[in-house]
């Protein structure tokens, strides 16, 4: 599928670039001034406890089960709320859908075995969102 980030609803790339640059500059500033351990706490503190739905985190198994149900077409609410986005992103790679049980096991135990292209598809769409966030 071809298109720009703006085509996919990301918009205002110049503003995003400016904010990212400011964030990087801030990190550089504090990295130079803080001891290494203090800097790691500073860098991680805003995210600690906010992403419990990623690989290795408490909600990950529920996210994987939700994704497999969605790929089977069993989550009507998800497709009602996110179907347009999913259509724009494109169909799941065959390697993801050919054997959903293998995909489920790999996501739970060793997602890197799915390969970069397949992980890229999974990462850039809402299919792996926690089951209670389909209408966000």
Protein backbone atom coordinates (compact mmCIF):
# COMPACT_ATOMS: atom_id res chain seq x y z
CA UNK A 1 0.00 0.00 0.00
CA UNK A 2 1.36 3.39 -0.93
CA UNK A 3 0.78 6.76 0.63
CA UNK A 4 2.28 9.34 2.91
CA UNK A 5 1.93 9.61 6.66
CA UNK A 6 -0.49 12.46 6.04
CA UNK A 7 -2.61 10.13 3.87
CA UNK A 8 -2.86 7.80 6.84
CA UNK A 9 -4.04 10.52 9.20
CA UNK A 10 -0.73 11.47 10.84
CA UNK A 11 -0.82 15.06 9.50
CA UNK A 12 1.26 18.11 10.42
CA UNK A 13 4.61 16.36 10.00
CA UNK A 14 6.52 19.60 10.39
CA UNK A 15 5.05 20.16 13.85
CA UNK A 16 5.76 16.58 14.84
CA UNK A 17 9.37 16.90 13.64
CA UNK A 18 9.79 20.10 15.66
CA UNK A 19 8.45 18.47 18.82
CA UNK A 20 10.65 15.41 18.38
CA UNK A 21 13.72 17.59 17.90
CA UNK A 22 12.88 19.53 21.08
CA UNK A 23 12.48 16.27 23.00
CA UNK A 24 15.84 14.97 21.70
CA UNK A 25 17.54 18.24 22.63
CA UNK A 26 16.06 18.04 26.13
CA UNK A 27 17.33 14.46 26.54
CA UNK A 28 20.81 15.48 25.38
CA UNK A 29 20.81 18.34 27.88
CA UNK A 30 19.93 16.11 30.85
CA UNK A 31 22.12 13.21 29.71
CA UNK A 32 25.15 15.51 29.94
CA UNK A 33 24.20 16.84 33.37
CA UNK A 34 22.90 13.79 35.25
CA UNK A 35 24.71 10.66 36.45
CA UNK A 36 23.85 7.67 34.21
CA UNK A 37 21.43 6.00 36.66
CA UNK A 38 19.60 9.26 37.34
CA UNK A 39 19.32 9.92 33.61
CA UNK A 40 17.77 6.48 33.02
CA UNK A 41 15.15 7.17 35.68
CA UNK A 42 14.50 10.60 34.16
CA UNK A 43 14.15 9.13 30.66
CA UNK A 44 11.92 6.24 31.70
CA UNK A 45 9.79 7.85 34.38
CA UNK A 46 7.10 9.33 32.10
CA UNK A 47 6.45 5.90 30.60
CA UNK A 48 6.72 3.70 33.68
CA UNK A 49 3.41 1.95 34.14
CA UNK A 50 1.76 3.53 31.10
CA UNK A 51 2.40 0.80 28.54
CA UNK A 52 1.29 -2.43 30.15
CA UNK A 53 0.00 -3.74 26.82
CA UNK A 54 3.33 -4.38 25.07
CA UNK A 55 5.27 -7.65 24.70
CA UNK A 56 6.29 -8.94 28.10
CA UNK A 57 3.84 -6.73 29.98
CA UNK A 58 0.72 -7.79 31.93
CA UNK A 59 -1.89 -7.03 29.24
CA UNK A 60 0.09 -8.53 26.35
CA UNK A 61 -1.62 -11.96 26.42
CA UNK A 62 -5.05 -10.28 26.28
CA UNK A 63 -3.86 -8.11 23.36
CA UNK A 64 -2.65 -11.18 21.48
CA UNK A 65 -5.91 -13.08 22.08
CA UNK A 66 -7.88 -10.03 20.94
CA UNK A 67 -5.77 -9.76 17.77
CA UNK A 68 -6.30 -13.42 16.90
CA UNK A 69 -10.06 -13.08 17.45
CA UNK A 70 -10.06 -9.97 15.26
CA UNK A 71 -8.09 -11.71 12.53
CA UNK A 72 -10.66 -14.52 12.61
CA UNK A 73 -13.42 -11.90 12.23
CA UNK A 74 -14.89 -12.68 15.65
CA UNK A 75 -14.76 -9.14 17.09
CA UNK A 76 -17.58 -7.28 15.34
CA UNK A 77 -17.24 -4.20 17.55
CA UNK A 78 -13.57 -3.84 16.61
CA UNK A 79 -14.35 -4.04 12.88
CA UNK A 80 -17.24 -1.60 13.29
CA UNK A 81 -15.00 0.89 15.11
CA UNK A 82 -11.71 0.31 13.27
CA UNK A 83 -12.62 -1.28 9.96
CA UNK A 84 -11.88 1.88 7.96
CA UNK A 85 -8.38 2.19 9.42
CA UNK A 86 -7.74 -1.50 8.89
CA UNK A 87 -8.85 -1.22 5.26
CA UNK A 88 -6.49 1.70 4.68
CA UNK A 89 -3.59 -0.19 6.25
CA UNK A 90 -4.24 -3.22 4.09
CA UNK A 91 -4.75 -6.91 4.55
CA UNK A 92 -2.71 -8.88 7.03
CA UNK A 93 0.34 -10.60 5.56
CA UNK A 94 -0.30 -14.21 4.57
CA UNK A 95 2.40 -15.32 7.02
CA UNK A 96 0.30 -13.83 9.84
CA UNK A 97 -3.05 -15.30 8.79
CA UNK A 98 -2.02 -18.66 7.29
CA UNK A 99 -1.77 -20.29 10.71
CA UNK A 100 -3.29 -18.11 13.43
CA UNK A 101 -2.37 -20.57 16.18
CA UNK A 102 1.32 -20.31 15.23
CA UNK A 103 1.01 -16.52 15.03
CA UNK A 104 -0.59 -16.49 18.49
CA UNK A 105 2.20 -18.66 19.98
CA UNK A 106 4.94 -16.56 18.39
CA UNK A 107 3.40 -13.29 19.56
CA UNK A 108 3.21 -14.66 23.09
CA UNK A 109 6.63 -16.33 23.23
CA UNK A 110 8.94 -14.93 20.53
CA UNK A 111 7.40 -12.24 18.31
CA UNK A 112 10.72 -11.59 16.53
CA UNK A 113 10.27 -14.97 14.83
CA UNK A 114 7.41 -13.47 12.80
CA UNK A 115 9.89 -11.33 10.87
CA UNK A 116 10.19 -7.58 10.46
CA UNK A 117 7.60 -7.16 7.70
CA UNK A 118 4.93 -9.08 9.61
CA UNK A 119 5.75 -7.32 12.87
CA UNK A 120 5.61 -4.00 11.05
CA UNK A 121 2.08 -4.73 9.90
CA UNK A 122 1.05 -5.78 13.41
CA UNK A 123 2.68 -2.76 15.03
CA UNK A 124 1.24 -0.06 12.76
CA UNK A 125 -2.41 -0.78 13.19
CA UNK A 126 -4.85 -1.20 16.08
CA UNK A 127 -5.20 -4.98 15.80
CA UNK A 128 -3.08 -5.55 18.94
CA UNK A 129 -4.79 -2.93 21.07
CA UNK A 130 -6.20 -4.15 24.37
CA UNK A 131 -9.72 -5.54 24.00
CA UNK A 132 -11.26 -2.65 25.94
CA UNK A 133 -9.84 0.10 23.67
CA UNK A 134 -11.50 -0.56 20.32
CA UNK A 135 -13.51 2.64 20.38
CA UNK A 136 -10.65 5.00 21.24
